[in-house]
PDB file of N, CA and C in Angstrom:
ATOM      1  N   MET A   1     103.864 118.342 107.303  1.00  0.00           N
ATOM      2  CA  MET A   1     104.840 118.932 106.419  1.00  0.00           C
ATOM      3  C   MET A   1     105.260 117.884 105.385  1.00  0.00           C
ATOM      4  N   ASN A   2     105.186 118.239 104.111  1.00  0.00           N
ATOM      5  CA  ASN A   2     105.613 117.348 103.041  1.00  0.00           C
ATOM      6  C   ASN A   2     107.086 117.577 102.726  1.00  0.00           C
ATOM      7  N   VAL A   3     107.831 116.482 102.688  1.00  0.00           N
ATOM      8  CA  VAL A   3     109.265 116.523 102.416  1.00  0.00           C
ATOM      9  C   VAL A   3     109.563 115.548 101.284  1.00  0.00           C
ATOM     10  N   ALA A   4     110.287 116.015 100.265  1.00  0.00           N
ATOM     11  CA  ALA A   4     110.736 115.147  99.174  1.00  0.00           C
ATOM     12  C   ALA A   4     112.135 114.652  99.517  1.00  0.00           C
ATOM     13  N   VAL A   5     112.331 113.348  99.400  1.00  0.00           N
ATOM     14  CA  VAL A   5     113.594 112.705  99.779  1.00  0.00           C
ATOM     15  C   VAL A   5     114.151 111.959  98.572  1.00  0.00           C
ATOM     16  N   GLY A   6     115.447 112.098  98.329  1.00  0.00           N
ATOM     17  CA  GLY A   6     116.071 111.440  97.190  1.00  0.00           C
ATOM     18  C   GLY A   6     116.971 110.285  97.576  1.00  0.00           C
ATOM     19  N   LEU A   7     116.682 109.134  97.002  1.00  0.00           N
ATOM     20  CA  LEU A   7     117.608 108.000  97.072  1.00  0.00           C
ATOM     21  C   LEU A   7     118.429 108.108  95.793  1.00  0.00           C
ATOM     22  N   ILE A   8     119.527 108.841  95.877  1.00  0.00           N
ATOM     23  CA  ILE A   8     120.363 109.111  94.713  1.00  0.00           C
ATOM     24  C   ILE A   8     121.371 107.977  94.592  1.00  0.00           C
ATOM     25  N   GLU A   9     121.232 107.211  93.513  1.00  0.00           N
ATOM     26  CA  GLU A   9     122.041 106.003  93.339  1.00  0.00           C
ATOM     27  C   GLU A   9     123.087 106.191  92.244  1.00  0.00           C
ATOM     28  N   GLN A  10     124.277 105.657  92.505  1.00  0.00           N
ATOM     29  CA  GLN A  10     125.357 105.685  91.524  1.00  0.00           C
ATOM     30  C   GLN A  10     126.299 104.522  91.796  1.00  0.00           C
ATOM     31  N   TYR A  11     126.496 103.678  90.804  1.00  0.00           N
ATOM     32  CA  TYR A  11     127.405 102.531  90.909  1.00  0.00           C
ATOM     33  C   TYR A  11     127.115 101.666  92.137  1.00  0.00           C
ATOM     34  N   GLY A  12     125.838 101.464  92.451  1.00  0.00           N
ATOM     35  CA  GLY A  12     125.457 100.623  93.579  1.00  0.00           C
ATOM     36  C   GLY A  12     125.552 101.300  94.931  1.00  0.00           C
ATOM     37  N   ASN A  13     125.853 102.587  94.950  1.00  0.00           N
ATOM     38  CA  ASN A  13     125.945 103.346  96.195  1.00  0.00           C
ATOM     39  C   ASN A  13     124.817 104.358  96.298  1.00  0.00           C
ATOM     40  N   LEU A  14     124.539 104.788  97.526  1.00  0.00           N
ATOM     41  CA  LEU A  14     123.543 105.824  97.795  1.00  0.00           C
ATOM     42  C   LEU A  14     124.238 107.043  98.381  1.00  0.00           C
ATOM     43  N   LEU A  15     123.762 108.221  97.999  1.00  0.00           N
ATOM     44  CA  LEU A  15     124.312 109.468  98.516  1.00  0.00           C
ATOM     45  C   LEU A  15     123.600 109.837  99.812  1.00  0.00           C
ATOM     46  N   ILE A  16     124.379 110.040 100.874  1.00  0.00           N
ATOM     47  CA  ILE A  16     123.812 110.495 102.145  1.00  0.00           C
ATOM     48  C   ILE A  16     124.510 111.792 102.544  1.00  0.00           C
ATOM     49  N   THR A  17     123.797 112.607 103.324  1.00  0.00           N
ATOM     50  CA  THR A  17     124.342 113.889 103.758  1.00  0.00           C
ATOM     51  C   THR A  17     124.208 114.031 105.266  1.00  0.00           C
ATOM     52  N   LYS A  18     125.092 114.823 105.853  1.00  0.00           N
ATOM     53  CA  LYS A  18     125.052 115.075 107.296  1.00  0.00           C
ATOM     54  C   LYS A  18     124.476 116.468 107.542  1.00  0.00           C
ATOM     55  N   ARG A  19     123.473 116.534 108.430  1.00  0.00           N
ATOM     56  CA  ARG A  19     122.776 117.790 108.712  1.00  0.00           C
ATOM     57  C   ARG A  19     123.679 118.804 109.412  1.00  0.00           C
ATOM     58  N   LYS A  20     123.464 120.064 109.070  1.00  0.00           N
ATOM     59  CA  LYS A  20     124.253 121.170 109.637  1.00  0.00           C
ATOM     60  C   LYS A  20     123.891 121.446 111.089  1.00  0.00           C
ATOM     61  N   PRO A  21     124.848 121.981 111.861  1.00  0.00           N
ATOM     62  CA  PRO A  21     124.534 122.441 113.222  1.00  0.00           C
ATOM     63  C   PRO A  21     123.477 123.550 113.167  1.00  0.00           C
ATOM     64  N   GLY A  22     122.629 123.580 114.184  1.00  0.00           N
ATOM     65  CA  GLY A  22     121.594 124.606 114.260  1.00  0.00           C
ATOM     66  C   GLY A  22     120.325 124.274 113.508  1.00  0.00           C
ATOM     67  N   THR A  23     120.289 123.085 112.870  1.00  0.00           N
ATOM     68  CA  THR A  23     119.085 122.654 112.159  1.00  0.00           C
ATOM     69  C   THR A  23     118.379 121.577 112.974  1.00  0.00           C
ATOM     70  N   HIS A  24     117.107 121.325 112.647  1.00  0.00           N
ATOM     71  CA  HIS A  24     116.366 120.232 113.276  1.00  0.00           C
ATOM     72  C   HIS A  24     117.143 118.937 113.024  1.00  0.00           C
ATOM     73  N   LEU A  25     117.359 118.149 114.048  1.00  0.00           N
ATOM     74  CA  LEU A  25     118.086 116.873 113.956  1.00  0.00           C
ATOM     75  C   LEU A  25     119.532 117.054 113.478  1.00  0.00           C
ATOM     76  N   GLU A  26     120.165 118.123 113.931  1.00  0.00           N
ATOM     77  CA  GLU A  26     121.548 118.405 113.530  1.00  0.00           C
ATOM     78  C   GLU A  26     122.468 117.230 113.842  1.00  0.00           C
ATOM     79  N   GLY A  27     123.442 117.019 112.944  1.00  0.00           N
ATOM     80  CA  GLY A  27     124.436 115.976 113.152  1.00  0.00           C
ATOM     81  C   GLY A  27     124.030 114.598 112.670  1.00  0.00           C
ATOM     82  N   PHE A  28     122.741 114.381 112.405  1.00  0.00           N
ATOM     83  CA  PHE A  28     122.301 113.096 111.874  1.00  0.00           C
ATOM     84  C   PHE A  28     122.605 113.029 110.379  1.00  0.00           C
ATOM     85  N   TRP A  29     122.778 111.812 109.897  1.00  0.00           N
ATOM     86  CA  TRP A  29     122.885 111.563 108.464  1.00  0.00           C
ATOM     87  C   TRP A  29     121.471 111.429 107.924  1.00  0.00           C
ATOM     88  N   GLU A  30     121.297 111.726 106.638  1.00  0.00           N
ATOM     89  CA  GLU A  30     119.979 111.617 106.019  1.00  0.00           C
ATOM     90  C   GLU A  30     120.129 111.426 104.521  1.00  0.00           C
ATOM     91  N   PHE A  31     119.029 111.042 103.908  1.00  0.00           N
ATOM     92  CA  PHE A  31     118.957 111.050 102.454  1.00  0.00           C
ATOM     93  C   PHE A  31     118.597 112.487 102.083  1.00  0.00           C
ATOM     94  N   PRO A  32     119.270 113.083 101.100  1.00  0.00           N
ATOM     95  CA  PRO A  32     119.041 114.499 100.814  1.00  0.00           C
ATOM     96  C   PRO A  32     117.632 114.797 100.312  1.00  0.00           C
ATOM     97  N   GLY A  33     117.211 116.026 100.526  1.00  0.00           N
ATOM     98  CA  GLY A  33     115.890 116.485 100.103  1.00  0.00           C
ATOM     99  C   GLY A  33     115.469 117.657 100.952  1.00  0.00           C
ATOM    100  N   GLY A  34     114.171 117.955 100.932  1.00  0.00           N
ATOM    101  CA  GLY A  34     113.711 119.076 101.734  1.00  0.00           C
ATOM    102  C   GLY A  34     112.235 119.338 101.601  1.00  0.00           C
ATOM    103  N   LYS A  35     111.801 120.433 102.233  1.00  0.00           N
ATOM    104  CA  LYS A  35     110.384 120.781 102.333  1.00  0.00           C
ATOM    105  C   LYS A  35     109.815 121.272 101.009  1.00  0.00           C
ATOM    106  N   GLN A  36     108.603 120.803 100.735  1.00  0.00           N
ATOM    107  CA  GLN A  36     107.879 121.226  99.545  1.00  0.00           C
ATOM    108  C   GLN A  36     107.371 122.657  99.735  1.00  0.00           C
ATOM    109  N   GLU A  37     107.591 123.492  98.730  1.00  0.00           N
ATOM    110  CA  GLU A  37     107.097 124.864  98.761  1.00  0.00           C
ATOM    111  C   GLU A  37     105.736 124.938  98.083  1.00  0.00           C
ATOM    112  N   TYR A  38     104.976 125.964  98.428  1.00  0.00           N
ATOM    113  CA  TYR A  38     103.640 126.147  97.871  1.00  0.00           C
ATOM    114  C   TYR A  38     103.698 126.187  96.343  1.00  0.00           C
ATOM    115  N   GLY A  39     102.794 125.436  95.694  1.00  0.00           N
ATOM    116  CA  GLY A  39     102.679 125.437  94.249  1.00  0.00           C
ATOM    117  C   GLY A  39     103.692 124.585  93.514  1.00  0.00           C
ATOM    118  N   GLU A  40     104.515 123.854  94.239  1.00  0.00           N
ATOM    119  CA  GLU A  40     105.566 123.056  93.614  1.00  0.00           C
ATOM    120  C   GLU A  40     105.224 121.573  93.752  1.00  0.00           C
ATOM    121  N   SER A  41     105.479 120.798  92.704  1.00  0.00           N
ATOM    122  CA  SER A  41     105.273 119.351  92.793  1.00  0.00           C
ATOM    123  C   SER A  41     106.391 118.759  93.645  1.00  0.00           C
ATOM    124  N   LEU A  42     106.195 117.532  94.100  1.00  0.00           N
ATOM    125  CA  LEU A  42     107.237 116.872  94.893  1.00  0.00           C
ATOM    126  C   LEU A  42     108.500 116.639  94.063  1.00  0.00           C
ATOM    127  N   ALA A  43     108.323 116.303  92.777  1.00  0.00           N
ATOM    128  CA  ALA A  43     109.487 116.105  91.902  1.00  0.00           C
ATOM    129  C   ALA A  43     110.261 117.411  91.731  1.00  0.00           C
ATOM    130  N   GLU A  44     109.543 118.522  91.531  1.00  0.00           N
ATOM    131  CA  GLU A  44     110.198 119.830  91.414  1.00  0.00           C
ATOM    132  C   GLU A  44     110.918 120.185  92.710  1.00  0.00           C
ATOM    133  N   CYS A  45     110.260 119.897  93.822  1.00  0.00           N
ATOM    134  CA  CYS A  45     110.848 120.150  95.137  1.00  0.00           C
ATOM    135  C   CYS A  45     112.166 119.403  95.282  1.00  0.00           C
ATOM    136  N   LEU A  46     112.158 118.120  94.938  1.00  0.00           N
ATOM    137  CA  LEU A  46     113.368 117.317  95.101  1.00  0.00           C
ATOM    138  C   LEU A  46     114.499 117.849  94.226  1.00  0.00           C
ATOM    139  N   LYS A  47     114.194 118.142  92.968  1.00  0.00           N
ATOM    140  CA  LYS A  47     115.231 118.669  92.073  1.00  0.00           C
ATOM    141  C   LYS A  47     115.812 119.975  92.615  1.00  0.00           C
ATOM    142  N   ARG A  48     114.947 120.869  93.094  1.00  0.00           N
ATOM    143  CA  ARG A  48     115.396 122.152  93.646  1.00  0.00           C
ATOM    144  C   ARG A  48     116.263 121.951  94.886  1.00  0.00           C
ATOM    145  N   GLU A  49     115.766 121.126  95.817  1.00  0.00           N
ATOM    146  CA  GLU A  49     116.499 120.900  97.069  1.00  0.00           C
ATOM    147  C   GLU A  49     117.866 120.266  96.826  1.00  0.00           C
ATOM    148  N   ILE A  50     117.934 119.302  95.920  1.00  0.00           N
ATOM    149  CA  ILE A  50     119.210 118.637  95.623  1.00  0.00           C
ATOM    150  C   ILE A  50     120.189 119.641  95.010  1.00  0.00           C
ATOM    151  N   TRP A  51     119.681 120.500  94.138  1.00  0.00           N
ATOM    152  CA  TRP A  51     120.537 121.532  93.545  1.00  0.00           C
ATOM    153  C   TRP A  51     121.037 122.490  94.625  1.00  0.00           C
ATOM    154  N   GLU A  52     120.127 122.941  95.507  1.00  0.00           N
ATOM    155  CA  GLU A  52     120.498 123.893  96.558  1.00  0.00           C
ATOM    156  C   GLU A  52     121.461 123.288  97.582  1.00  0.00           C
ATOM    157  N   GLU A  53     121.258 122.031  97.944  1.00  0.00           N
ATOM    158  CA  GLU A  53     122.073 121.388  98.978  1.00  0.00           C
ATOM    159  C   GLU A  53     123.395 120.843  98.463  1.00  0.00           C
ATOM    160  N   LEU A  54     123.384 120.335  97.215  1.00  0.00           N
ATOM    161  CA  LEU A  54     124.546 119.593  96.722  1.00  0.00           C
ATOM    162  C   LEU A  54     125.119 120.090  95.395  1.00  0.00           C
ATOM    163  N   GLY A  55     124.402 120.975  94.702  1.00  0.00           N
ATOM    164  CA  GLY A  55     124.897 121.502  93.440  1.00  0.00           C
ATOM    165  C   GLY A  55     124.933 120.496  92.311  1.00  0.00           C
ATOM    166  N   ILE A  56     124.032 119.508  92.356  1.00  0.00           N
ATOM    167  CA  ILE A  56     123.967 118.511  91.283  1.00  0.00           C
ATOM    168  C   ILE A  56     122.569 118.504  90.667  1.00  0.00           C
ATOM    169  N   VAL A  57     122.513 118.047  89.415  1.00  0.00           N
ATOM    170  CA  VAL A  57     121.249 117.879  88.702  1.00  0.00           C
ATOM    171  C   VAL A  57     120.924 116.395  88.719  1.00  0.00           C
ATOM    172  N   ILE A  58     119.670 116.067  89.070  1.00  0.00           N
ATOM    173  CA  ILE A  58     119.263 114.658  89.149  1.00  0.00           C
ATOM    174  C   ILE A  58     118.329 114.288  87.998  1.00  0.00           C
ATOM    175  N   SER A  59     118.230 112.993  87.761  1.00  0.00           N
ATOM    176  CA  SER A  59     117.304 112.451  86.767  1.00  0.00           C
ATOM    177  C   SER A  59     115.869 112.633  87.260  1.00  0.00           C
ATOM    178  N   PRO A  60     114.878 112.473  86.367  1.00  0.00           N
ATOM    179  CA  PRO A  60     113.488 112.563  86.826  1.00  0.00           C
ATOM    180  C   PRO A  60     113.243 111.563  87.961  1.00  0.00           C
ATOM    181  N   PRO A  61     112.764 112.049  89.116  1.00  0.00           N
ATOM    182  CA  PRO A  61     112.554 111.173  90.276  1.00  0.00           C
ATOM    183  C   PRO A  61     111.443 110.148  90.039  1.00  0.00           C
ATOM    184  N   ILE A  62     111.676 108.925  90.508  1.00  0.00           N
ATOM    185  CA  ILE A  62     110.692 107.839  90.422  1.00  0.00           C
ATOM    186  C   ILE A  62     110.244 107.510  91.842  1.00  0.00           C
ATOM    187  N   PHE A  63     108.927 107.577  92.079  1.00  0.00           N
ATOM    188  CA  PHE A  63     108.398 107.351  93.427  1.00  0.00           C
ATOM    189  C   PHE A  63     108.779 105.965  93.943  1.00  0.00           C
ATOM    190  N   PHE A  64     109.221 105.916  95.207  1.00  0.00           N
ATOM    191  CA  PHE A  64     109.627 104.666  95.854  1.00  0.00           C
ATOM    192  C   PHE A  64     108.708 104.311  97.021  1.00  0.00           C
ATOM    193  N   MET A  65     108.471 105.252  97.928  1.00  0.00           N
ATOM    194  CA  MET A  65     107.622 104.983  99.086  1.00  0.00           C
ATOM    195  C   MET A  65     107.281 106.284  99.810  1.00  0.00           C
ATOM    196  N   LYS A  66     106.314 106.190 100.720  1.00  0.00           N
ATOM    197  CA  LYS A  66     105.946 107.328 101.566  1.00  0.00           C
ATOM    198  C   LYS A  66     106.036 106.890 103.020  1.00  0.00           C
ATOM    199  N   VAL A  67     106.582 107.763 103.861  1.00  0.00           N
ATOM    200  CA  VAL A  67     106.709 107.493 105.293  1.00  0.00           C
ATOM    201  C   VAL A  67     106.109 108.673 106.046  1.00  0.00           C
ATOM    202  N   ASN A  68     105.157 108.396 106.931  1.00  0.00           N
ATOM    203  CA  ASN A  68     104.598 109.423 107.813  1.00  0.00           C
ATOM    204  C   ASN A  68     105.204 109.202 109.191  1.00  0.00           C
ATOM    205  N   HIS A  69     105.756 110.277 109.772  1.00  0.00           N
ATOM    206  CA  HIS A  69     106.388 110.139 111.084  1.00  0.00           C
ATOM    207  C   HIS A  69     106.052 111.338 111.959  1.00  0.00           C
ATOM    208  N   GLN A  70     105.759 111.049 113.227  1.00  0.00           N
ATOM    209  CA  GLN A  70     105.446 112.094 114.199  1.00  0.00           C
ATOM    210  C   GLN A  70     106.617 112.251 115.162  1.00  0.00           C
ATOM    211  N   TYR A  71     107.333 113.366 115.053  1.00  0.00           N
ATOM    212  CA  TYR A  71     108.333 113.730 116.049  1.00  0.00           C
ATOM    213  C   TYR A  71     107.597 114.473 117.153  1.00  0.00           C
ATOM    214  N   PRO A  72     108.178 114.605 118.347  1.00  0.00           N
ATOM    215  CA  PRO A  72     107.498 115.354 119.414  1.00  0.00           C
ATOM    216  C   PRO A  72     107.130 116.782 118.990  1.00  0.00           C
ATOM    217  N   GLU A  73     107.990 117.393 118.188  1.00  0.00           N
ATOM    218  CA  GLU A  73     107.777 118.791 117.815  1.00  0.00           C
ATOM    219  C   GLU A  73     107.116 119.010 116.457  1.00  0.00           C
ATOM    220  N   LYS A  74     107.030 117.972 115.610  1.00  0.00           N
ATOM    221  CA  LYS A  74     106.417 118.138 114.289  1.00  0.00           C
ATOM    222  C   LYS A  74     106.106 116.801 113.638  1.00  0.00           C
ATOM    223  N   SER A  75     105.206 116.872 112.662  1.00  0.00           N
ATOM    224  CA  SER A  75     104.828 115.702 111.871  1.00  0.00           C
ATOM    225  C   SER A  75     105.406 115.879 110.469  1.00  0.00           C
ATOM    226  N   VAL A  76     106.015 114.810 109.930  1.00  0.00           N
ATOM    227  CA  VAL A  76     106.579 114.882 108.582  1.00  0.00           C
ATOM    228  C   VAL A  76     106.030 113.759 107.713  1.00  0.00           C
ATOM    229  N   ASN A  77     105.800 114.084 106.451  1.00  0.00           N
ATOM    230  CA  ASN A  77     105.403 113.109 105.441  1.00  0.00           C
ATOM    231  C   ASN A  77     106.546 113.045 104.438  1.00  0.00           C
ATOM    232  N   LEU A  78     107.325 111.970 104.509  1.00  0.00           N
ATOM    233  CA  LEU A  78     108.461 111.810 103.606  1.00  0.00           C
ATOM    234  C   LEU A  78     108.005 111.110 102.335  1.00  0.00           C
ATOM    235  N   HIS A  79     108.179 111.772 101.209  1.00  0.00           N
ATOM    236  CA  HIS A  79     107.867 111.208  99.897  1.00  0.00           C
ATOM    237  C   HIS A  79     109.222 110.852  99.287  1.00  0.00           C
ATOM    238  N   VAL A  80     109.500 109.562  99.204  1.00  0.00           N
ATOM    239  CA  VAL A  80     110.839 109.086  98.844  1.00  0.00           C
ATOM    240  C   VAL A  80     110.871 108.704  97.365  1.00  0.00           C
ATOM    241  N   PHE A  81     111.888 109.195  96.672  1.00  0.00           N
ATOM    242  CA  PHE A  81     112.042 108.962  95.239  1.00  0.00           C
ATOM    243  C   PHE A  81     113.429 108.405  94.939  1.00  0.00           C
ATOM    244  N   ARG A  82     113.492 107.576  93.909  1.00  0.00           N
ATOM    245  CA  ARG A  82     114.779 107.096  93.396  1.00  0.00           C
ATOM    246  C   ARG A  82     115.189 108.002  92.244  1.00  0.00           C
ATOM    247  N   CYS A  83     116.481 108.267  92.144  1.00  0.00           N
ATOM    248  CA  CYS A  83     117.003 109.077  91.055  1.00  0.00           C
ATOM    249  C   CYS A  83     118.513 108.858  90.961  1.00  0.00           C
ATOM    250  N   SER A  84     119.132 109.511  89.997  1.00  0.00           N
ATOM    251  CA  SER A  84     120.582 109.414  89.839  1.00  0.00           C
ATOM    252  C   SER A  84     121.125 110.791  89.463  1.00  0.00           C
ATOM    253  N   VAL A  85     122.437 110.919  89.480  1.00  0.00           N
ATOM    254  CA  VAL A  85     123.083 112.183  89.122  1.00  0.00           C
ATOM    255  C   VAL A  85     123.154 112.275  87.602  1.00  0.00           C
ATOM    256  N   VAL A  86     122.656 113.382  87.055  1.00  0.00           N
ATOM    257  CA  VAL A  86     122.732 113.633  85.619  1.00  0.00           C
ATOM    258  C   VAL A  86     123.964 114.480  85.313  1.00  0.00           C
ATOM    259  N   SER A  87     124.209 115.484  86.156  1.00  0.00           N
ATOM    260  CA  SER A  87     125.403 116.307  85.960  1.00  0.00           C
ATOM    261  C   SER A  87     125.851 116.928  87.277  1.00  0.00           C
ATOM    262  N   GLY A  88     127.140 117.194  87.332  1.00  0.00           N
ATOM    263  CA  GLY A  88     127.726 117.811  88.510  1.00  0.00           C
ATOM    264  C   GLY A  88     128.352 116.802  89.455  1.00  0.00           C
ATOM    265  N   THR A  89     129.140 117.314  90.372  1.00  0.00           N
ATOM    266  CA  THR A  89     129.756 116.531  91.440  1.00  0.00           C
ATOM    267  C   THR A  89     129.236 117.092  92.750  1.00  0.00           C
ATOM    268  N   PRO A  90     128.777 116.226  93.663  1.00  0.00           N
ATOM    269  CA  PRO A  90     128.224 116.743  94.920  1.00  0.00           C
ATOM    270  C   PRO A  90     129.202 117.657  95.660  1.00  0.00           C
ATOM    271  N   GLN A  91     128.631 118.711  96.246  1.00  0.00           N
ATOM    272  CA  GLN A  91     129.374 119.655  97.077  1.00  0.00           C
ATOM    273  C   GLN A  91     128.589 119.852  98.365  1.00  0.00           C
ATOM    274  N   ALA A  92     129.282 120.059  99.466  1.00  0.00           N
ATOM    275  CA  ALA A  92     128.614 120.266 100.761  1.00  0.00           C
ATOM    276  C   ALA A  92     128.175 121.727 100.879  1.00  0.00           C
ATOM    277  N   ILE A  93     127.071 122.071 100.209  1.00  0.00           N
ATOM    278  CA  ILE A  93     126.545 123.441 100.223  1.00  0.00           C
ATOM    279  C   ILE A  93     125.552 123.602 101.371  1.00  0.00           C
ATOM    280  N   GLY A  94     124.563 122.718 101.429  1.00  0.00           N
ATOM    281  CA  GLY A  94     123.526 122.800 102.455  1.00  0.00           C
ATOM    282  C   GLY A  94     123.638 121.700 103.491  1.00  0.00           C
ATOM    283  N   CYS A  95     124.830 121.129 103.607  1.00  0.00           N
ATOM    284  CA  CYS A  95     125.066 120.042 104.566  1.00  0.00           C
ATOM    285  C   CYS A  95     126.508 120.150 105.053  1.00  0.00           C
ATOM    286  N   VAL A  96     126.832 119.412 106.108  1.00  0.00           N
ATOM    287  CA  VAL A  96     128.199 119.423 106.640  1.00  0.00           C
ATOM    288  C   VAL A  96     129.122 118.619 105.735  1.00  0.00           C
ATOM    289  N   GLU A  97     128.650 117.455 105.318  1.00  0.00           N
ATOM    290  CA  GLU A  97     129.423 116.589 104.424  1.00  0.00           C
ATOM    291  C   GLU A  97     128.490 115.620 103.730  1.00  0.00           C
ATOM    292  N   TRP A  98     129.007 114.919 102.738  1.00  0.00           N
ATOM    293  CA  TRP A  98     128.236 113.925 102.004  1.00  0.00           C
ATOM    294  C   TRP A  98     129.130 112.716 101.754  1.00  0.00           C
ATOM    295  N   LEU A  99     128.486 111.569 101.557  1.00  0.00           N
ATOM    296  CA  LEU A  99     129.209 110.314 101.301  1.00  0.00           C
ATOM    297  C   LEU A  99     128.413 109.437 100.347  1.00  0.00           C
ATOM    298  N   TRP A 100     129.126 108.639  99.571  1.00  0.00           N
ATOM    299  CA  TRP A 100     128.499 107.551  98.819  1.00  0.00           C
ATOM    300  C   TRP A 100     128.676 106.297  99.668  1.00  0.00           C
ATOM    301  N   VAL A 101     127.591 105.593  99.981  1.00  0.00           N
ATOM    302  CA  VAL A 101     127.682 104.380 100.799  1.00  0.00           C
ATOM    303  C   VAL A 101     126.859 103.262 100.177  1.00  0.00           C
ATOM    304  N   ARG A 102     127.256 102.040 100.470  1.00  0.00           N
ATOM    305  CA  ARG A 102     126.491 100.872 100.017  1.00  0.00           C
ATOM    306  C   ARG A 102     125.266 100.725 100.910  1.00  0.00           C
ATOM    307  N   LYS A 103     124.209 100.162 100.361  1.00  0.00           N
ATOM    308  CA  LYS A 103     122.974  99.962 101.138  1.00  0.00           C
ATOM    309  C   LYS A 103     123.255  99.202 102.429  1.00  0.00           C
ATOM    310  N   GLU A 104     124.137  98.229 102.352  1.00  0.00           N
ATOM    311  CA  GLU A 104     124.445  97.393 103.507  1.00  0.00           C
ATOM    312  C   GLU A 104     125.155  98.177 104.619  1.00  0.00           C
ATOM    313  N   GLN A 105     125.720  99.329 104.304  1.00  0.00           N
ATOM    314  CA  GLN A 105     126.452 100.137 105.288  1.00  0.00           C
ATOM    315  C   GLN A 105     125.578 101.175 105.983  1.00  0.00           C
ATOM    316  N   LEU A 106     124.358 101.379 105.514  1.00  0.00           N
ATOM    317  CA  LEU A 106     123.514 102.457 106.037  1.00  0.00           C
ATOM    318  C   LEU A 106     123.318 102.386 107.545  1.00  0.00           C
ATOM    319  N   GLU A 107     123.172 101.182 108.084  1.00  0.00           N
ATOM    320  CA  GLU A 107     122.890 101.065 109.521  1.00  0.00           C
ATOM    321  C   GLU A 107     124.082 101.447 110.401  1.00  0.00           C
ATOM    322  N   THR A 108     125.254 101.677 109.805  1.00  0.00           N
ATOM    323  CA  THR A 108     126.415 102.105 110.594  1.00  0.00           C
ATOM    324  C   THR A 108     126.439 103.621 110.808  1.00  0.00           C
ATOM    325  N   TYR A 109     125.489 104.334 110.198  1.00  0.00           N
ATOM    326  CA  TYR A 109     125.381 105.789 110.337  1.00  0.00           C
ATOM    327  C   TYR A 109     124.146 106.126 111.161  1.00  0.00           C
ATOM    328  N   SER A 110     124.197 107.243 111.885  1.00  0.00           N
ATOM    329  CA  SER A 110     123.059 107.681 112.712  1.00  0.00           C
ATOM    330  C   SER A 110     122.074 108.470 111.856  1.00  0.00           C
ATOM    331  N   PHE A 111     120.897 107.879 111.630  1.00  0.00           N
ATOM    332  CA  PHE A 111     119.823 108.501 110.858  1.00  0.00           C
ATOM    333  C   PHE A 111     118.669 108.852 111.784  1.00  0.00           C
ATOM    334  N   PRO A 112     117.869 109.875 111.448  1.00  0.00           N
ATOM    335  CA  PRO A 112     116.666 110.173 112.231  1.00  0.00           C
ATOM    336  C   PRO A 112     115.681 109.003 112.175  1.00  0.00           C
ATOM    337  N   LYS A 113     114.802 108.930 113.162  1.00  0.00           N
ATOM    338  CA  LYS A 113     113.823 107.838 113.229  1.00  0.00           C
ATOM    339  C   LYS A 113     112.983 107.722 111.964  1.00  0.00           C
ATOM    340  N   ALA A 114     112.592 108.834 111.371  1.00  0.00           N
ATOM    341  CA  ALA A 114     111.751 108.798 110.169  1.00  0.00           C
ATOM    342  C   ALA A 114     112.439 108.069 109.016  1.00  0.00           C
ATOM    343  N   ASP A 115     113.765 108.113 108.964  1.00  0.00           N
ATOM    344  CA  ASP A 115     114.510 107.456 107.885  1.00  0.00           C
ATOM    345  C   ASP A 115     114.692 105.956 108.116  1.00  0.00           C
ATOM    346  N   GLN A 116     114.465 105.488 109.327  1.00  0.00           N
ATOM    347  CA  GLN A 116     114.685 104.068 109.637  1.00  0.00           C
ATOM    348  C   GLN A 116     113.808 103.147 108.791  1.00  0.00           C
ATOM    349  N   VAL A 117     112.569 103.559 108.522  1.00  0.00           N
ATOM    350  CA  VAL A 117     111.665 102.739 107.701  1.00  0.00           C
ATOM    351  C   VAL A 117     112.221 102.618 106.283  1.00  0.00           C
ATOM    352  N   ILE A 118     112.778 103.696 105.772  1.00  0.00           N
ATOM    353  CA  ILE A 118     113.381 103.677 104.432  1.00  0.00           C
ATOM    354  C   ILE A 118     114.554 102.701 104.417  1.00  0.00           C
ATOM    355  N   ILE A 119     115.404 102.785 105.422  1.00  0.00           N
ATOM    356  CA  ILE A 119     116.578 101.905 105.504  1.00  0.00           C
ATOM    357  C   ILE A 119     116.155 100.445 105.608  1.00  0.00           C
ATOM    358  N   GLU A 120     115.151 100.155 106.437  1.00  0.00           N
ATOM    359  CA  GLU A 120     114.662  98.774 106.568  1.00  0.00           C
ATOM    360  C   GLU A 120     114.124  98.257 105.233  1.00  0.00           C
ATOM    361  N   THR A 121     113.414  99.103 104.499  1.00  0.00           N
ATOM    362  CA  THR A 121     112.873  98.708 103.191  1.00  0.00           C
ATOM    363  C   THR A 121     114.008  98.437 102.212  1.00  0.00           C
ATOM    364  N   LEU A 122     115.026  99.271 102.226  1.00  0.00           N
ATOM    365  CA  LEU A 122     116.180  99.064 101.348  1.00  0.00           C
ATOM    366  C   LEU A 122     116.935  97.790 101.711  1.00  0.00           C
ATOM    367  N   LYS A 123     117.082  97.520 103.005  1.00  0.00           N
ATOM    368  CA  LYS A 123     117.765  96.292 103.446  1.00  0.00           C
ATOM    369  C   LYS A 123     116.999  95.055 102.989  1.00  0.00           C
ATOM    370  N   ALA A 124     115.673  95.103 103.052  1.00  0.00           N
ATOM    371  CA  ALA A 124     114.853  93.971 102.608  1.00  0.00           C
ATOM    372  C   ALA A 124     115.048  93.731 101.116  1.00  0.00           C
ATOM    373  N   GLU A 125     115.217  94.797 100.362  1.00  0.00           N
ATOM    374  CA  GLU A 125     115.477  94.695  98.923  1.00  0.00           C
ATOM    375  C   GLU A 125     116.791  93.986  98.657  1.00  0.00           C
ATOM    376  N   VAL A 126     117.811  94.313  99.427  1.00  0.00           N
ATOM    377  CA  VAL A 126     119.146  93.739  99.254  1.00  0.00           C
ATOM    378  C   VAL A 126     119.126  92.236  99.483  1.00  0.00           C
ATOM    379  N   SER A 127     118.344  91.796 100.484  1.00  0.00           N
ATOM    380  CA  SER A 127     118.353  90.374 100.835  1.00  0.00           C
ATOM    381  C   SER A 127     117.448  89.524  99.946  1.00  0.00           C
ATOM    382  N   ASP A 128     116.666  90.164  99.077  1.00  0.00           N
ATOM    383  CA  ASP A 128     115.779  89.390  98.184  1.00  0.00           C
ATOM    384  C   ASP A 128     116.550  88.705  97.081  1.00  0.00           C
TER     385      ASP A 128
END
């Protein structure tokens, strides 16, 4: 399954969202995004998912990294992009809540295993 993930940056912070009850990995924090639909590019997917989940418009996504992860019940290919907010204020439409956090604070939140590689890569960037 291909998933587009947004590292939405603003004033040195990243936007994270908390998954809704009744969803896969409910209650975990994550970088917003979602599943690619047939015939849609990953960039289109990310823009659509961010609009549906948070009600914001993002800048053109810039590819950052890809993470392949096998959960017991499914395999996911995370295509991670950097972007920023072009218009709107985040709203908890497709998530329980959202937060702006510093990269250094990410490890204090519970993220799914697939996101850990992204967090480690971001932490390495901070220490460079």
